[in-house]
Amino acid sequence: LGRRLIYSHHIISKIKRSNIHTLVSQYKLTGYMKFGWPGLLLVEGREEDCIAFYDEIRPWQWKFLVVRGEQHEKNIFDIETNRKFPSFIETD
């Protein structure tokens, strides 16, 4: 189980926000997105999926984007029961 706290200067674009939701669904991640200034993404799921998610959004046009925190839980056999976030939500 992995978690990533991703900081952005801002997340405003409705297209970018929609694309983030699509990727989160694709990788079966949970967490939340704070849009506005600053923008924050907290994603949780399989470690490989958290890495792939960041690798996929990193080339997008951002003023600033960086992983500010990482958490890895080893020896987790059932990811679903160990998640801290039941779904992916968007907040301002």
N, C-alpha and C. Protein backbone atom coordinates (compact mmCIF):
# COMPACT_ATOMS: atom_id res chain seq x y z
N LEU A 1 0.85 -1.17 0.00
CA LEU A 1 0.00 0.00 0.00
C LEU A 1 0.90 1.23 0.00
N GLY A 2 0.62 2.14 -0.90
CA GLY A 2 1.42 3.36 -0.98
C GLY A 2 0.54 4.59 -0.94
N ARG A 3 1.13 5.68 -0.51
CA ARG A 3 0.46 6.98 -0.51
C ARG A 3 1.43 8.03 -1.01
N ARG A 4 0.89 9.02 -1.71
CA ARG A 4 1.70 10.14 -2.20
C ARG A 4 0.96 11.44 -1.92
N LEU A 5 1.65 12.40 -1.35
CA LEU A 5 1.14 13.75 -1.21
C LEU A 5 1.85 14.59 -2.26
N ILE A 6 1.10 15.09 -3.22
CA ILE A 6 1.66 15.81 -4.36
C ILE A 6 1.21 17.26 -4.26
N TYR A 7 2.18 18.17 -4.32
CA TYR A 7 1.93 19.61 -4.20
C TYR A 7 2.07 20.26 -5.57
N SER A 8 1.12 21.13 -5.88
CA SER A 8 1.18 21.89 -7.12
C SER A 8 0.97 23.37 -6.80
N HIS A 9 1.54 24.25 -7.61
CA HIS A 9 1.31 25.68 -7.43
C HIS A 9 -0.19 25.97 -7.45
N HIS A 10 -0.90 25.32 -8.37
CA HIS A 10 -2.35 25.43 -8.43
C HIS A 10 -2.92 24.30 -9.29
N ILE A 11 -4.17 23.98 -9.03
CA ILE A 11 -4.94 23.07 -9.88
C ILE A 11 -6.25 23.80 -10.17
N ILE A 12 -6.38 24.32 -11.37
CA ILE A 12 -7.55 25.10 -11.75
C ILE A 12 -8.28 24.50 -12.95
N SER A 13 -7.54 24.10 -13.96
CA SER A 13 -8.10 23.64 -15.23
C SER A 13 -9.11 22.51 -15.04
N LYS A 14 -10.32 22.72 -15.58
CA LYS A 14 -11.35 21.69 -15.49
C LYS A 14 -10.95 20.45 -16.28
N ILE A 15 -10.22 20.65 -17.37
CA ILE A 15 -9.75 19.51 -18.17
C ILE A 15 -8.73 18.70 -17.37
N LYS A 16 -7.80 19.38 -16.73
CA LYS A 16 -6.78 18.69 -15.93
C LYS A 16 -7.45 17.95 -14.77
N ARG A 17 -8.42 18.59 -14.13
CA ARG A 17 -9.12 17.95 -13.02
C ARG A 17 -9.87 16.72 -13.50
N SER A 18 -10.50 16.82 -14.64
CA SER A 18 -11.21 15.67 -15.22
C SER A 18 -10.24 14.54 -15.56
N ASN A 19 -9.10 14.89 -16.14
CA ASN A 19 -8.09 13.89 -16.48
C ASN A 19 -7.53 13.21 -15.23
N ILE A 20 -7.39 13.96 -14.15
CA ILE A 20 -6.93 13.37 -12.89
C ILE A 20 -7.95 12.36 -12.39
N HIS A 21 -9.23 12.70 -12.44
CA HIS A 21 -10.27 11.76 -12.02
C HIS A 21 -10.25 10.49 -12.86
N THR A 22 -10.02 10.66 -14.17
CA THR A 22 -9.94 9.49 -15.06
C THR A 22 -8.78 8.58 -14.66
N LEU A 23 -7.61 9.18 -14.42
CA LEU A 23 -6.44 8.39 -14.04
C LEU A 23 -6.63 7.71 -12.68
N VAL A 24 -7.21 8.43 -11.74
CA VAL A 24 -7.45 7.86 -10.41
C VAL A 24 -8.33 6.62 -10.54
N SER A 25 -9.36 6.70 -11.38
CA SER A 25 -10.23 5.54 -11.60
C SER A 25 -9.47 4.41 -12.28
N GLN A 26 -8.67 4.78 -13.27
CA GLN A 26 -7.90 3.78 -14.01
C GLN A 26 -6.96 3.01 -13.10
N TYR A 27 -6.28 3.72 -12.19
CA TYR A 27 -5.32 3.08 -11.28
C TYR A 27 -5.94 2.60 -9.97
N LYS A 28 -7.26 2.79 -9.82
CA LYS A 28 -7.98 2.36 -8.60
C LYS A 28 -7.38 3.00 -7.35
N LEU A 29 -7.15 4.32 -7.43
CA LEU A 29 -6.60 5.06 -6.30
C LEU A 29 -7.73 5.75 -5.54
N THR A 30 -7.50 6.02 -4.27
CA THR A 30 -8.42 6.81 -3.46
C THR A 30 -7.64 7.99 -2.90
N GLY A 31 -8.32 8.88 -2.20
CA GLY A 31 -7.67 10.05 -1.63
C GLY A 31 -8.48 11.29 -1.90
N TYR A 32 -7.78 12.40 -2.13
CA TYR A 32 -8.50 13.62 -2.43
C TYR A 32 -7.66 14.57 -3.25
N MET A 33 -8.35 15.54 -3.85
CA MET A 33 -7.69 16.60 -4.61
C MET A 33 -8.23 17.93 -4.09
N LYS A 34 -7.33 18.81 -3.69
CA LYS A 34 -7.70 20.17 -3.32
C LYS A 34 -7.35 21.04 -4.51
N PHE A 35 -8.38 21.60 -5.16
CA PHE A 35 -8.10 22.46 -6.30
C PHE A 35 -7.98 23.91 -5.82
N GLY A 36 -7.44 24.75 -6.66
CA GLY A 36 -7.21 26.15 -6.30
C GLY A 36 -5.73 26.38 -6.08
N TRP A 37 -5.42 27.37 -5.22
CA TRP A 37 -4.04 27.74 -4.90
C TRP A 37 -3.77 27.43 -3.44
N PRO A 38 -2.84 26.66 -3.05
CA PRO A 38 -2.11 25.70 -3.87
C PRO A 38 -3.00 24.50 -4.18
N GLY A 39 -2.54 23.68 -5.08
CA GLY A 39 -3.25 22.45 -5.39
C GLY A 39 -2.57 21.29 -4.68
N LEU A 40 -3.37 20.40 -4.14
CA LEU A 40 -2.83 19.22 -3.45
C LEU A 40 -3.53 17.96 -3.96
N LEU A 41 -2.75 16.93 -4.12
CA LEU A 41 -3.29 15.61 -4.45
C LEU A 41 -2.77 14.64 -3.41
N LEU A 42 -3.65 13.88 -2.82
CA LEU A 42 -3.23 12.81 -1.93
C LEU A 42 -3.84 11.55 -2.51
N VAL A 43 -2.98 10.65 -2.97
CA VAL A 43 -3.46 9.42 -3.59
C VAL A 43 -2.98 8.21 -2.79
N GLU A 44 -3.81 7.19 -2.79
CA GLU A 44 -3.53 5.98 -2.02
C GLU A 44 -3.97 4.78 -2.84
N GLY A 45 -3.13 3.75 -2.85
CA GLY A 45 -3.45 2.53 -3.57
C GLY A 45 -2.21 1.65 -3.64
N ARG A 46 -2.19 0.76 -4.60
CA ARG A 46 -0.99 -0.07 -4.77
C ARG A 46 0.21 0.84 -5.03
N GLU A 47 1.33 0.51 -4.46
CA GLU A 47 2.54 1.33 -4.60
C GLU A 47 2.86 1.58 -6.07
N GLU A 48 2.78 0.54 -6.88
CA GLU A 48 3.10 0.67 -8.31
C GLU A 48 2.14 1.64 -9.00
N ASP A 49 0.88 1.64 -8.57
CA ASP A 49 -0.11 2.52 -9.17
C ASP A 49 0.11 3.98 -8.77
N CYS A 50 0.54 4.21 -7.53
CA CYS A 50 0.85 5.58 -7.09
C CYS A 50 2.02 6.13 -7.90
N ILE A 51 3.03 5.31 -8.12
CA ILE A 51 4.19 5.73 -8.91
C ILE A 51 3.77 6.01 -10.35
N ALA A 52 2.99 5.10 -10.93
CA ALA A 52 2.55 5.26 -12.32
C ALA A 52 1.67 6.51 -12.47
N PHE A 53 0.81 6.78 -11.49
CA PHE A 53 -0.03 7.98 -11.53
C PHE A 53 0.83 9.24 -11.59
N TYR A 54 1.79 9.34 -10.69
CA TYR A 54 2.66 10.53 -10.68
C TYR A 54 3.47 10.63 -11.97
N ASP A 55 4.00 9.51 -12.43
CA ASP A 55 4.77 9.52 -13.67
C ASP A 55 3.92 9.98 -14.86
N GLU A 56 2.62 9.69 -14.81
CA GLU A 56 1.75 10.08 -15.91
C GLU A 56 1.35 11.55 -15.86
N ILE A 57 1.16 12.11 -14.66
CA ILE A 57 0.76 13.53 -14.58
C ILE A 57 1.95 14.48 -14.61
N ARG A 58 3.13 13.98 -14.29
CA ARG A 58 4.31 14.85 -14.23
C ARG A 58 4.61 15.58 -15.54
N PRO A 59 4.49 14.95 -16.72
CA PRO A 59 4.80 15.67 -17.96
C PRO A 59 3.76 16.73 -18.35
N TRP A 60 2.59 16.72 -17.71
CA TRP A 60 1.59 17.73 -18.04
C TRP A 60 2.16 19.11 -17.73
N GLN A 61 1.54 20.12 -18.27
CA GLN A 61 2.03 21.48 -18.05
C GLN A 61 1.63 21.95 -16.65
N TRP A 62 2.64 22.11 -15.79
CA TRP A 62 2.45 22.57 -14.42
C TRP A 62 3.39 23.74 -14.18
N LYS A 63 2.98 24.68 -13.38
CA LYS A 63 3.91 25.73 -12.96
C LYS A 63 4.91 25.13 -11.98
N PHE A 64 4.42 24.25 -11.10
CA PHE A 64 5.28 23.57 -10.12
C PHE A 64 4.55 22.32 -9.66
N LEU A 65 5.24 21.20 -9.62
CA LEU A 65 4.65 19.93 -9.18
C LEU A 65 5.75 19.11 -8.52
N VAL A 66 5.49 18.65 -7.29
CA VAL A 66 6.49 17.87 -6.57
C VAL A 66 5.79 16.94 -5.57
N VAL A 67 6.39 15.78 -5.34
CA VAL A 67 5.91 14.88 -4.29
C VAL A 67 6.50 15.39 -2.98
N ARG A 68 5.62 15.75 -2.04
CA ARG A 68 6.06 16.28 -0.75
C ARG A 68 6.04 15.22 0.35
N GLY A 69 5.41 14.09 0.08
CA GLY A 69 5.38 13.04 1.09
C GLY A 69 5.08 11.69 0.47
N GLU A 70 5.70 10.66 1.02
CA GLU A 70 5.48 9.29 0.57
C GLU A 70 5.31 8.40 1.79
N GLN A 71 4.45 7.42 1.65
CA GLN A 71 4.26 6.45 2.72
C GLN A 71 4.10 5.08 2.09
N HIS A 72 4.80 4.11 2.64
CA HIS A 72 4.74 2.73 2.13
C HIS A 72 4.40 1.82 3.30
N GLU A 73 3.39 1.01 3.10
CA GLU A 73 3.05 0.00 4.11
C GLU A 73 3.32 -1.36 3.49
N LYS A 74 4.24 -2.08 4.06
CA LYS A 74 4.63 -3.38 3.54
C LYS A 74 3.79 -4.48 4.19
N ASN A 75 3.79 -5.63 3.57
CA ASN A 75 3.08 -6.82 4.08
C ASN A 75 1.59 -6.58 4.25
N ILE A 76 1.02 -5.81 3.34
CA ILE A 76 -0.42 -5.59 3.32
C ILE A 76 -1.00 -6.54 2.26
N PHE A 77 -1.84 -7.45 2.70
CA PHE A 77 -2.39 -8.43 1.77
C PHE A 77 -3.74 -8.00 1.21
N ASP A 78 -4.48 -7.21 1.98
CA ASP A 78 -5.77 -6.72 1.52
C ASP A 78 -5.76 -5.20 1.55
N ILE A 79 -5.48 -4.60 0.40
CA ILE A 79 -5.36 -3.15 0.31
C ILE A 79 -6.67 -2.48 0.70
N GLU A 80 -7.79 -3.03 0.26
CA GLU A 80 -9.08 -2.37 0.47
C GLU A 80 -9.39 -2.15 1.95
N THR A 81 -9.08 -3.08 2.81
CA THR A 81 -9.40 -2.91 4.23
C THR A 81 -8.39 -2.02 4.94
N ASN A 82 -7.25 -1.74 4.33
CA ASN A 82 -6.23 -0.91 4.96
C ASN A 82 -6.18 0.51 4.42
N ARG A 83 -7.06 0.85 3.51
CA ARG A 83 -7.10 2.22 2.97
C ARG A 83 -7.58 3.19 4.05
N LYS A 84 -7.02 4.39 4.04
CA LYS A 84 -7.47 5.46 4.93
C LYS A 84 -8.60 6.26 4.29
N PHE A 85 -8.67 6.23 2.96
CA PHE A 85 -9.67 6.99 2.21
C PHE A 85 -10.54 6.02 1.41
N PRO A 86 -11.86 6.03 1.62
CA PRO A 86 -12.72 5.08 0.94
C PRO A 86 -12.96 5.39 -0.54
N SER A 87 -12.76 6.66 -0.94
CA SER A 87 -13.01 7.06 -2.33
C SER A 87 -12.07 8.23 -2.65
N PHE A 88 -12.21 8.76 -3.87
CA PHE A 88 -11.43 9.94 -4.27
C PHE A 88 -12.40 11.11 -4.33
N ILE A 89 -12.12 12.14 -3.56
CA ILE A 89 -13.00 13.31 -3.53
C ILE A 89 -12.24 14.56 -3.93
N GLU A 90 -12.99 15.54 -4.35
CA GLU A 90 -12.43 16.82 -4.76
C GLU A 90 -12.97 17.90 -3.82
N THR A 91 -12.09 18.75 -3.33
CA THR A 91 -12.48 19.81 -2.40
C THR A 91 -11.73 21.09 -2.74
N ASP A 92 -12.23 22.20 -2.23
CA ASP A 92 -11.54 23.47 -2.49
C ASP A 92 -10.95 24.08 -1.25
